[in-house]
Amino acid sequence: MKKSILAISTVLVLTLLSCQKPIDENKIASDAVEAYKEKQTVEADKMKTIAQQFYNQLSNPNDPQTDALSKNYMDENWVSTPEPIGGAGRVGFVKTLSVFGAMITDLKWEPQEMLVSGNKIIVRSIATGTPNSEEGHFFGTPTNGTKKFEIPTIDIHTIENGKITKSHHVESWLTAIGQVSTTSKQ
């Protein structure tokens, strides 16, 4: 009896195994890699969308909704290096935009390239504008509102929980000053 149960069990197992398709380990690995790439692409696209909101705000510094809009993409305790002229945090960013909006009403900040690595996004952009402050100067340099600047910028943003938490940035403001100065020989 035991031998017949064992024989029947063996036949049953062999029959079931012969009905299964062979496992293609390469296909499983390939599918896993494709799923990972797709997830990374989706995450990168989300990060680019968050970063683009930052540049949209920079390009519209006089928007009365700046404070409300910045809450959508920027952490309240945002850390910027160097610290903006308006001070620390998201509120400092809003103040900085107000200062730039009064000084450069046509400010545009256009990303040229965005690269994502982990939770960081590196943005190469071009900032342009025509300073025309009421005081007649741009960072202490005389201007008359007729000369436009165009400078390259690089930012590295850290994004956590869907918001920019840190930014390291470099702008060539000395180049901008030279381009718009009424005392320059350009």
N, C-alpha and C. Protein backbone atom coordinates (compact mmCIF):
# COMPACT_ATOMS: atom_id res chain seq x y z
N MET A 1 0.83 -1.18 0.00
CA MET A 1 0.00 0.00 0.00
C MET A 1 0.88 1.25 0.00
N LYS A 2 1.91 1.25 0.86
CA LYS A 2 2.79 2.41 0.92
C LYS A 2 3.52 2.59 -0.39
N LYS A 3 3.92 1.45 -1.02
CA LYS A 3 4.63 1.55 -2.28
C LYS A 3 3.72 2.09 -3.37
N SER A 4 2.47 1.72 -3.37
CA SER A 4 1.56 2.22 -4.40
C SER A 4 1.25 3.70 -4.21
N ILE A 5 1.14 4.15 -2.96
CA ILE A 5 0.89 5.58 -2.71
C ILE A 5 2.12 6.38 -3.16
N LEU A 6 3.28 5.85 -2.84
CA LEU A 6 4.52 6.52 -3.25
C LEU A 6 4.63 6.55 -4.77
N ALA A 7 4.29 5.48 -5.43
CA ALA A 7 4.36 5.41 -6.89
C ALA A 7 3.35 6.37 -7.51
N ILE A 8 2.14 6.38 -6.99
CA ILE A 8 1.10 7.28 -7.51
C ILE A 8 1.53 8.74 -7.28
N SER A 9 2.07 9.04 -6.11
CA SER A 9 2.53 10.40 -5.80
C SER A 9 3.64 10.82 -6.75
N THR A 10 4.55 9.92 -7.02
CA THR A 10 5.66 10.22 -7.92
C THR A 10 5.13 10.49 -9.33
N VAL A 11 4.23 9.64 -9.80
CA VAL A 11 3.64 9.83 -11.13
C VAL A 11 2.89 11.17 -11.19
N LEU A 12 2.16 11.49 -10.15
CA LEU A 12 1.40 12.73 -10.10
C LEU A 12 2.33 13.94 -10.14
N VAL A 13 3.40 13.93 -9.35
CA VAL A 13 4.36 15.03 -9.33
C VAL A 13 5.02 15.17 -10.69
N LEU A 14 5.45 14.08 -11.28
CA LEU A 14 6.08 14.14 -12.59
C LEU A 14 5.12 14.65 -13.65
N THR A 15 3.87 14.25 -13.57
CA THR A 15 2.86 14.72 -14.51
C THR A 15 2.65 16.22 -14.37
N LEU A 16 2.55 16.70 -13.14
CA LEU A 16 2.36 18.14 -12.91
C LEU A 16 3.56 18.93 -13.39
N LEU A 17 4.76 18.45 -13.11
CA LEU A 17 5.96 19.14 -13.53
C LEU A 17 6.08 19.19 -15.05
N SER A 18 5.68 18.13 -15.72
CA SER A 18 5.79 18.10 -17.17
C SER A 18 4.78 19.04 -17.83
N CYS A 19 3.73 19.43 -17.13
CA CYS A 19 2.71 20.35 -17.66
C CYS A 19 3.14 21.81 -17.53
N GLN A 20 4.09 22.09 -16.68
CA GLN A 20 4.51 23.48 -16.47
C GLN A 20 5.47 23.92 -17.57
N LYS A 21 5.40 25.19 -17.91
CA LYS A 21 6.32 25.76 -18.89
C LYS A 21 7.68 25.91 -18.21
N PRO A 22 8.73 25.76 -18.98
CA PRO A 22 10.05 25.95 -18.40
C PRO A 22 10.23 27.43 -17.99
N ILE A 23 10.97 27.65 -16.93
CA ILE A 23 11.21 29.00 -16.43
C ILE A 23 12.35 29.62 -17.23
N ASP A 24 12.08 30.80 -17.79
CA ASP A 24 13.10 31.52 -18.55
C ASP A 24 13.67 32.59 -17.62
N GLU A 25 14.80 32.26 -16.99
CA GLU A 25 15.41 33.18 -16.02
C GLU A 25 15.86 34.48 -16.66
N ASN A 26 16.29 34.40 -17.91
CA ASN A 26 16.71 35.62 -18.61
C ASN A 26 15.53 36.57 -18.83
N LYS A 27 14.38 36.01 -19.15
CA LYS A 27 13.17 36.82 -19.37
C LYS A 27 12.75 37.48 -18.05
N ILE A 28 12.81 36.73 -16.97
CA ILE A 28 12.45 37.28 -15.65
C ILE A 28 13.39 38.43 -15.30
N ALA A 29 14.67 38.23 -15.51
CA ALA A 29 15.65 39.29 -15.20
C ALA A 29 15.44 40.49 -16.11
N SER A 30 15.21 40.26 -17.38
CA SER A 30 14.97 41.34 -18.34
C SER A 30 13.73 42.15 -17.97
N ASP A 31 12.66 41.46 -17.60
CA ASP A 31 11.43 42.13 -17.19
C ASP A 31 11.65 42.97 -15.94
N ALA A 32 12.43 42.43 -15.00
CA ALA A 32 12.71 43.17 -13.76
C ALA A 32 13.51 44.43 -14.05
N VAL A 33 14.48 44.33 -14.95
CA VAL A 33 15.28 45.51 -15.32
C VAL A 33 14.40 46.55 -16.00
N GLU A 34 13.54 46.12 -16.91
CA GLU A 34 12.64 47.06 -17.60
C GLU A 34 11.68 47.73 -16.62
N ALA A 35 11.16 46.98 -15.67
CA ALA A 35 10.26 47.57 -14.66
C ALA A 35 11.00 48.59 -13.81
N TYR A 36 12.24 48.29 -13.47
CA TYR A 36 13.07 49.23 -12.69
C TYR A 36 13.32 50.51 -13.49
N LYS A 37 13.70 50.36 -14.76
CA LYS A 37 13.95 51.52 -15.62
C LYS A 37 12.69 52.38 -15.75
N GLU A 38 11.56 51.73 -15.92
CA GLU A 38 10.29 52.47 -16.06
C GLU A 38 9.99 53.25 -14.78
N LYS A 39 10.20 52.62 -13.63
CA LYS A 39 9.97 53.31 -12.35
C LYS A 39 10.93 54.49 -12.21
N GLN A 40 12.19 54.30 -12.58
CA GLN A 40 13.17 55.39 -12.50
C GLN A 40 12.78 56.53 -13.42
N THR A 41 12.28 56.22 -14.61
CA THR A 41 11.85 57.25 -15.56
C THR A 41 10.68 58.04 -15.00
N VAL A 42 9.72 57.34 -14.39
CA VAL A 42 8.56 58.01 -13.80
C VAL A 42 9.02 58.91 -12.66
N GLU A 43 9.91 58.42 -11.80
CA GLU A 43 10.41 59.22 -10.69
C GLU A 43 11.20 60.43 -11.20
N ALA A 44 12.02 60.23 -12.23
CA ALA A 44 12.79 61.34 -12.80
C ALA A 44 11.85 62.39 -13.38
N ASP A 45 10.80 61.96 -14.06
CA ASP A 45 9.82 62.90 -14.62
C ASP A 45 9.13 63.70 -13.53
N LYS A 46 8.79 63.05 -12.42
CA LYS A 46 8.17 63.75 -11.29
C LYS A 46 9.12 64.81 -10.73
N MET A 47 10.40 64.43 -10.59
CA MET A 47 11.39 65.37 -10.06
C MET A 47 11.58 66.55 -11.01
N LYS A 48 11.58 66.29 -12.30
CA LYS A 48 11.72 67.38 -13.27
C LYS A 48 10.52 68.32 -13.21
N THR A 49 9.34 67.78 -13.00
CA THR A 49 8.14 68.60 -12.87
C THR A 49 8.23 69.49 -11.63
N ILE A 50 8.70 68.93 -10.53
CA ILE A 50 8.87 69.71 -9.29
C ILE A 50 9.88 70.83 -9.53
N ALA A 51 11.02 70.49 -10.12
CA ALA A 51 12.06 71.50 -10.38
C ALA A 51 11.55 72.57 -11.34
N GLN A 52 10.80 72.18 -12.35
CA GLN A 52 10.29 73.15 -13.33
C GLN A 52 9.42 74.21 -12.65
N GLN A 53 8.68 73.81 -11.63
CA GLN A 53 7.87 74.79 -10.90
C GLN A 53 8.74 75.88 -10.27
N PHE A 54 9.90 75.50 -9.78
CA PHE A 54 10.87 76.44 -9.21
C PHE A 54 11.27 77.48 -10.26
N TYR A 55 11.60 77.01 -11.46
CA TYR A 55 12.04 77.91 -12.53
C TYR A 55 10.88 78.74 -13.09
N ASN A 56 9.68 78.19 -13.08
CA ASN A 56 8.51 78.98 -13.46
C ASN A 56 8.34 80.17 -12.53
N GLN A 57 8.56 79.94 -11.23
CA GLN A 57 8.47 81.03 -10.25
C GLN A 57 9.57 82.04 -10.46
N LEU A 58 10.80 81.57 -10.71
CA LEU A 58 11.90 82.50 -10.96
C LEU A 58 11.61 83.37 -12.18
N SER A 59 10.92 82.80 -13.17
CA SER A 59 10.59 83.53 -14.40
C SER A 59 9.37 84.42 -14.25
N ASN A 60 8.76 84.40 -13.11
CA ASN A 60 7.57 85.21 -12.86
C ASN A 60 7.64 85.76 -11.44
N PRO A 61 8.69 86.54 -11.14
CA PRO A 61 8.94 86.94 -9.75
C PRO A 61 7.89 87.87 -9.15
N ASN A 62 7.07 88.48 -9.99
CA ASN A 62 6.05 89.41 -9.47
C ASN A 62 4.66 88.77 -9.34
N ASP A 63 4.59 87.46 -9.49
CA ASP A 63 3.31 86.75 -9.36
C ASP A 63 2.79 86.91 -7.93
N PRO A 64 1.58 87.44 -7.76
CA PRO A 64 1.05 87.60 -6.40
C PRO A 64 0.80 86.26 -5.69
N GLN A 65 0.81 85.17 -6.43
CA GLN A 65 0.58 83.84 -5.85
C GLN A 65 1.88 83.12 -5.49
N THR A 66 3.02 83.83 -5.56
CA THR A 66 4.32 83.19 -5.32
C THR A 66 4.35 82.43 -4.00
N ASP A 67 3.89 83.04 -2.94
CA ASP A 67 3.92 82.37 -1.63
C ASP A 67 3.12 81.08 -1.67
N ALA A 68 1.89 81.15 -2.16
CA ALA A 68 1.03 79.96 -2.21
C ALA A 68 1.59 78.90 -3.15
N LEU A 69 2.07 79.31 -4.31
CA LEU A 69 2.60 78.35 -5.28
C LEU A 69 3.86 77.66 -4.79
N SER A 70 4.73 78.41 -4.12
CA SER A 70 5.99 77.82 -3.66
C SER A 70 5.75 76.73 -2.61
N LYS A 71 4.62 76.79 -1.92
CA LYS A 71 4.30 75.74 -0.93
C LYS A 71 4.08 74.39 -1.60
N ASN A 72 3.75 74.39 -2.90
CA ASN A 72 3.49 73.15 -3.62
C ASN A 72 4.75 72.36 -3.93
N TYR A 73 5.89 73.03 -4.05
CA TYR A 73 7.09 72.34 -4.49
C TYR A 73 8.31 72.56 -3.60
N MET A 74 8.19 73.44 -2.60
CA MET A 74 9.35 73.77 -1.77
C MET A 74 9.05 73.52 -0.30
N ASP A 75 9.99 72.85 0.36
CA ASP A 75 9.88 72.59 1.79
C ASP A 75 9.96 73.92 2.56
N GLU A 76 9.20 74.01 3.62
CA GLU A 76 9.16 75.23 4.43
C GLU A 76 10.56 75.61 4.93
N ASN A 77 11.38 74.61 5.24
CA ASN A 77 12.72 74.84 5.77
C ASN A 77 13.80 74.67 4.71
N TRP A 78 13.46 74.99 3.49
CA TRP A 78 14.40 74.90 2.36
C TRP A 78 15.73 75.54 2.73
N VAL A 79 16.82 74.85 2.39
CA VAL A 79 18.16 75.35 2.66
C VAL A 79 18.82 75.64 1.31
N SER A 80 19.30 76.86 1.16
CA SER A 80 19.95 77.26 -0.07
C SER A 80 21.38 77.69 0.21
N THR A 81 22.30 77.21 -0.65
CA THR A 81 23.70 77.60 -0.55
C THR A 81 24.12 78.18 -1.89
N PRO A 82 24.51 79.47 -1.92
CA PRO A 82 24.49 80.41 -0.80
C PRO A 82 23.07 80.83 -0.45
N GLU A 83 22.94 81.41 0.74
CA GLU A 83 21.63 81.84 1.20
C GLU A 83 21.16 83.02 0.34
N PRO A 84 19.90 83.01 -0.09
CA PRO A 84 19.39 84.10 -0.93
C PRO A 84 19.32 85.43 -0.17
N ILE A 85 19.27 86.52 -0.92
CA ILE A 85 19.26 87.85 -0.30
C ILE A 85 18.03 88.08 0.57
N GLY A 86 16.97 87.33 0.34
CA GLY A 86 15.75 87.47 1.15
C GLY A 86 15.78 86.68 2.45
N GLY A 87 16.83 85.88 2.65
CA GLY A 87 16.95 85.12 3.88
C GLY A 87 16.71 83.63 3.68
N ALA A 88 16.69 82.92 4.78
CA ALA A 88 16.60 81.45 4.77
C ALA A 88 15.17 80.96 4.58
N GLY A 89 15.05 79.70 4.20
CA GLY A 89 13.77 79.02 4.10
C GLY A 89 12.94 79.44 2.90
N ARG A 90 11.78 78.81 2.79
CA ARG A 90 10.86 79.10 1.69
C ARG A 90 10.44 80.56 1.72
N VAL A 91 10.23 81.11 2.92
CA VAL A 91 9.83 82.52 3.05
C VAL A 91 10.94 83.43 2.52
N GLY A 92 12.20 83.07 2.76
CA GLY A 92 13.32 83.84 2.22
C GLY A 92 13.35 83.81 0.70
N PHE A 93 12.99 82.66 0.12
CA PHE A 93 12.90 82.53 -1.33
C PHE A 93 11.84 83.50 -1.87
N VAL A 94 10.69 83.54 -1.23
CA VAL A 94 9.60 84.42 -1.66
C VAL A 94 10.05 85.89 -1.59
N LYS A 95 10.73 86.26 -0.52
CA LYS A 95 11.25 87.63 -0.38
C LYS A 95 12.28 87.93 -1.46
N THR A 96 13.13 86.97 -1.75
CA THR A 96 14.15 87.16 -2.78
C THR A 96 13.49 87.41 -4.14
N LEU A 97 12.45 86.65 -4.45
CA LEU A 97 11.75 86.86 -5.72
C LEU A 97 11.16 88.27 -5.79
N SER A 98 10.66 88.75 -4.67
CA SER A 98 10.11 90.11 -4.63
C SER A 98 11.19 91.15 -4.95
N VAL A 99 12.38 90.96 -4.38
CA VAL A 99 13.50 91.87 -4.65
C VAL A 99 13.89 91.81 -6.12
N PHE A 100 14.03 90.61 -6.65
CA PHE A 100 14.40 90.45 -8.06
C PHE A 100 13.29 90.98 -8.98
N GLY A 101 12.05 90.77 -8.60
CA GLY A 101 10.93 91.26 -9.41
C GLY A 101 10.91 92.78 -9.51
N ALA A 102 11.30 93.47 -8.44
CA ALA A 102 11.35 94.93 -8.47
C ALA A 102 12.54 95.41 -9.30
N MET A 103 13.60 94.64 -9.31
CA MET A 103 14.84 95.04 -9.98
C MET A 103 14.87 94.60 -11.45
N ILE A 104 14.25 93.43 -11.76
CA ILE A 104 14.32 92.85 -13.12
C ILE A 104 12.92 92.35 -13.47
N THR A 105 12.07 93.22 -13.97
CA THR A 105 10.67 92.83 -14.21
C THR A 105 10.50 91.79 -15.30
N ASP A 106 11.47 91.69 -16.20
CA ASP A 106 11.36 90.71 -17.30
C ASP A 106 12.27 89.48 -17.08
N LEU A 107 12.59 89.18 -15.83
CA LEU A 107 13.47 88.05 -15.51
C LEU A 107 12.91 86.74 -16.06
N LYS A 108 13.76 86.00 -16.74
CA LYS A 108 13.41 84.66 -17.24
C LYS A 108 14.54 83.71 -16.84
N TRP A 109 14.14 82.54 -16.39
CA TRP A 109 15.10 81.52 -15.96
C TRP A 109 14.72 80.24 -16.68
N GLU A 110 15.45 79.91 -17.74
CA GLU A 110 15.04 78.82 -18.61
C GLU A 110 15.98 77.62 -18.51
N PRO A 111 15.48 76.51 -17.96
CA PRO A 111 16.29 75.29 -17.90
C PRO A 111 16.66 74.82 -19.31
N GLN A 112 17.90 74.45 -19.48
CA GLN A 112 18.39 73.93 -20.74
C GLN A 112 18.56 72.41 -20.67
N GLU A 113 18.83 71.92 -19.44
CA GLU A 113 19.08 70.50 -19.26
C GLU A 113 18.82 70.14 -17.80
N MET A 114 18.21 68.98 -17.58
CA MET A 114 17.96 68.48 -16.23
C MET A 114 18.45 67.04 -16.16
N LEU A 115 19.28 66.77 -15.17
CA LEU A 115 19.81 65.42 -14.96
C LEU A 115 19.42 64.95 -13.57
N VAL A 116 18.88 63.75 -13.47
CA VAL A 116 18.43 63.21 -12.20
C VAL A 116 19.36 62.09 -11.76
N SER A 117 19.74 62.14 -10.48
CA SER A 117 20.54 61.07 -9.88
C SER A 117 20.03 60.88 -8.46
N GLY A 118 19.40 59.74 -8.22
CA GLY A 118 18.82 59.50 -6.89
C GLY A 118 17.77 60.55 -6.59
N ASN A 119 17.93 61.24 -5.44
CA ASN A 119 16.96 62.27 -5.08
C ASN A 119 17.49 63.67 -5.39
N LYS A 120 18.48 63.75 -6.27
CA LYS A 120 19.05 65.04 -6.66
C LYS A 120 18.77 65.30 -8.13
N ILE A 121 18.57 66.58 -8.45
CA ILE A 121 18.38 66.98 -9.84
C ILE A 121 19.32 68.15 -10.12
N ILE A 122 20.10 68.01 -11.17
CA ILE A 122 21.05 69.04 -11.58
C ILE A 122 20.43 69.77 -12.77
N VAL A 123 20.38 71.10 -12.66
CA VAL A 123 19.74 71.89 -13.70
C VAL A 123 20.72 72.92 -14.24
N ARG A 124 20.93 72.85 -15.54
CA ARG A 124 21.72 73.87 -16.24
C ARG A 124 20.72 74.79 -16.91
N SER A 125 20.82 76.09 -16.62
CA SER A 125 19.83 77.01 -17.17
C SER A 125 20.48 78.32 -17.62
N ILE A 126 19.67 79.15 -18.25
CA ILE A 126 20.07 80.48 -18.69
C ILE A 126 19.12 81.47 -18.04
N ALA A 127 19.68 82.47 -17.36
CA ALA A 127 18.89 83.55 -16.78
C ALA A 127 19.11 84.80 -17.62
N THR A 128 18.00 85.48 -17.95
CA THR A 128 18.06 86.71 -18.73
C THR A 128 17.17 87.77 -18.08
N GLY A 129 17.49 89.01 -18.36
CA GLY A 129 16.64 90.09 -17.86
C GLY A 129 17.25 91.45 -18.15
N THR A 130 16.42 92.47 -17.96
CA THR A 130 16.84 93.85 -18.16
C THR A 130 16.63 94.61 -16.86
N PRO A 131 17.68 94.76 -16.06
CA PRO A 131 17.51 95.46 -14.79
C PRO A 131 17.09 96.91 -15.01
N ASN A 132 16.09 97.33 -14.25
CA ASN A 132 15.58 98.69 -14.35
C ASN A 132 14.99 99.10 -13.02
N SER A 133 15.82 99.09 -11.98
CA SER A 133 15.32 99.44 -10.66
C SER A 133 15.09 100.94 -10.56
N GLU A 134 14.22 101.33 -9.66
CA GLU A 134 13.94 102.74 -9.44
C GLU A 134 15.20 103.49 -9.03
N GLU A 135 16.11 102.81 -8.35
CA GLU A 135 17.35 103.43 -7.88
C GLU A 135 18.36 103.62 -9.01
N GLY A 136 18.14 102.97 -10.18
CA GLY A 136 19.05 103.11 -11.31
C GLY A 136 20.33 102.33 -11.17
N HIS A 137 20.27 101.25 -10.39
CA HIS A 137 21.47 100.42 -10.28
C HIS A 137 21.08 98.95 -10.15
N PHE A 138 22.06 98.14 -10.45
CA PHE A 138 21.91 96.68 -10.38
C PHE A 138 23.07 96.17 -9.54
N PHE A 139 22.75 95.74 -8.33
CA PHE A 139 23.78 95.31 -7.38
C PHE A 139 24.87 96.37 -7.25
N GLY A 140 24.45 97.63 -7.18
CA GLY A 140 25.38 98.74 -6.96
C GLY A 140 26.01 99.30 -8.23
N THR A 141 25.75 98.68 -9.37
CA THR A 141 26.32 99.14 -10.63
C THR A 141 25.27 99.97 -11.38
N PRO A 142 25.65 101.17 -11.87
CA PRO A 142 24.68 102.01 -12.58
C PRO A 142 24.09 101.31 -13.81
N THR A 143 22.78 101.39 -13.98
CA THR A 143 22.10 100.86 -15.15
C THR A 143 21.04 101.87 -15.57
N ASN A 144 20.59 101.76 -16.81
CA ASN A 144 19.53 102.66 -17.27
C ASN A 144 18.32 101.91 -17.83
N GLY A 145 18.30 100.58 -17.66
CA GLY A 145 17.15 99.80 -18.11
C GLY A 145 17.14 99.51 -19.60
N THR A 146 18.23 99.73 -20.29
CA THR A 146 18.27 99.47 -21.73
C THR A 146 19.12 98.26 -22.10
N LYS A 147 19.89 97.76 -21.15
CA LYS A 147 20.79 96.64 -21.45
C LYS A 147 20.31 95.37 -20.76
N LYS A 148 20.34 94.30 -21.53
CA LYS A 148 19.89 93.00 -21.04
C LYS A 148 21.10 92.13 -20.70
N PHE A 149 20.94 91.29 -19.69
CA PHE A 149 21.99 90.31 -19.38
C PHE A 149 21.52 88.93 -19.75
N GLU A 150 22.49 88.04 -19.95
CA GLU A 150 22.24 86.62 -20.20
C GLU A 150 23.38 85.87 -19.54
N ILE A 151 23.05 85.06 -18.52
CA ILE A 151 24.08 84.34 -17.78
C ILE A 151 23.74 82.86 -17.63
N PRO A 152 24.78 82.03 -17.59
CA PRO A 152 24.55 80.60 -17.31
C PRO A 152 24.41 80.38 -15.81
N THR A 153 23.63 79.39 -15.44
CA THR A 153 23.47 79.02 -14.04
C THR A 153 23.47 77.50 -13.90
N ILE A 154 23.88 77.05 -12.74
CA ILE A 154 23.84 75.61 -12.41
C ILE A 154 23.23 75.49 -11.02
N ASP A 155 22.26 74.61 -10.88
CA ASP A 155 21.64 74.33 -9.58
C ASP A 155 21.65 72.83 -9.34
N ILE A 156 21.85 72.46 -8.09
CA ILE A 156 21.69 71.06 -7.67
C ILE A 156 20.64 71.08 -6.56
N HIS A 157 19.48 70.50 -6.86
CA HIS A 157 18.37 70.47 -5.91
C HIS A 157 18.25 69.07 -5.31
N THR A 158 17.95 69.01 -4.02
CA THR A 158 17.61 67.75 -3.35
C THR A 158 16.10 67.74 -3.19
N ILE A 159 15.46 66.66 -3.60
CA ILE A 159 14.01 66.54 -3.50
C ILE A 159 13.68 65.38 -2.58
N GLU A 160 12.89 65.69 -1.55
CA GLU A 160 12.45 64.67 -0.59
C GLU A 160 10.96 64.85 -0.36
N ASN A 161 10.23 63.76 -0.38
CA ASN A 161 8.78 63.77 -0.17
C ASN A 161 8.08 64.76 -1.09
N GLY A 162 8.54 64.84 -2.33
CA GLY A 162 7.88 65.66 -3.33
C GLY A 162 8.16 67.15 -3.25
N LYS A 163 9.17 67.55 -2.45
CA LYS A 163 9.47 68.97 -2.32
C LYS A 163 10.97 69.20 -2.35
N ILE A 164 11.36 70.37 -2.85
CA ILE A 164 12.77 70.75 -2.85
C ILE A 164 13.15 71.10 -1.41
N THR A 165 14.15 70.41 -0.88
CA THR A 165 14.58 70.66 0.50
C THR A 165 15.90 71.43 0.57
N LYS A 166 16.72 71.26 -0.46
CA LYS A 166 18.03 71.93 -0.50
C LYS A 166 18.34 72.32 -1.93
N SER A 167 19.06 73.43 -2.05
CA SER A 167 19.54 73.86 -3.37
C SER A 167 20.94 74.44 -3.22
N HIS A 168 21.82 74.01 -4.08
CA HIS A 168 23.15 74.60 -4.21
C HIS A 168 23.16 75.23 -5.59
N HIS A 169 23.55 76.50 -5.66
CA HIS A 169 23.45 77.16 -6.96
C HIS A 169 24.62 78.09 -7.23
N VAL A 170 24.89 78.24 -8.53
CA VAL A 170 25.94 79.13 -9.01
C VAL A 170 25.37 79.94 -10.16
N GLU A 171 25.44 81.27 -10.03
CA GLU A 171 25.03 82.16 -11.10
C GLU A 171 26.18 83.11 -11.37
N SER A 172 26.35 83.51 -12.58
CA SER A 172 27.44 84.39 -12.95
C SER A 172 26.98 85.86 -12.90
N TRP A 173 26.70 86.35 -11.67
CA TRP A 173 26.19 87.72 -11.53
C TRP A 173 27.21 88.77 -11.92
N LEU A 174 28.50 88.50 -11.76
CA LEU A 174 29.50 89.48 -12.21
C LEU A 174 29.44 89.66 -13.72
N THR A 175 29.17 88.58 -14.43
CA THR A 175 28.99 88.68 -15.88
C THR A 175 27.77 89.55 -16.18
N ALA A 176 26.67 89.31 -15.46
CA ALA A 176 25.44 90.10 -15.67
C ALA A 176 25.70 91.58 -15.42
N ILE A 177 26.40 91.88 -14.34
CA ILE A 177 26.71 93.28 -14.01
C ILE A 177 27.51 93.92 -15.14
N GLY A 178 28.50 93.21 -15.64
CA GLY A 178 29.30 93.73 -16.75
C GLY A 178 28.48 93.96 -18.00
N GLN A 179 27.50 93.11 -18.24
CA GLN A 179 26.68 93.23 -19.45
C GLN A 179 25.72 94.42 -19.39
N VAL A 180 25.27 94.80 -18.21
CA VAL A 180 24.24 95.85 -18.12
C VAL A 180 24.77 97.19 -17.63
N SER A 181 26.01 97.23 -17.19
CA SER A 181 26.56 98.47 -16.63
C SER A 181 26.60 99.58 -17.67
N THR A 182 26.17 100.76 -17.28
CA THR A 182 26.24 101.91 -18.19
C THR A 182 27.65 102.46 -18.27
N THR A 183 28.52 102.00 -17.40
CA THR A 183 29.91 102.45 -17.43
C THR A 183 30.81 101.47 -18.18
N SER A 184 30.24 100.31 -18.63
CA SER A 184 31.06 99.32 -19.34
C SER A 184 31.21 99.74 -20.80
N LYS A 185 32.21 99.19 -21.48
CA LYS A 185 32.52 99.56 -22.87
C LYS A 185 31.82 98.66 -23.88
N GLN A 186 30.81 97.96 -23.49
CA GLN A 186 30.13 97.03 -24.42
C GLN A 186 29.20 97.77 -25.32
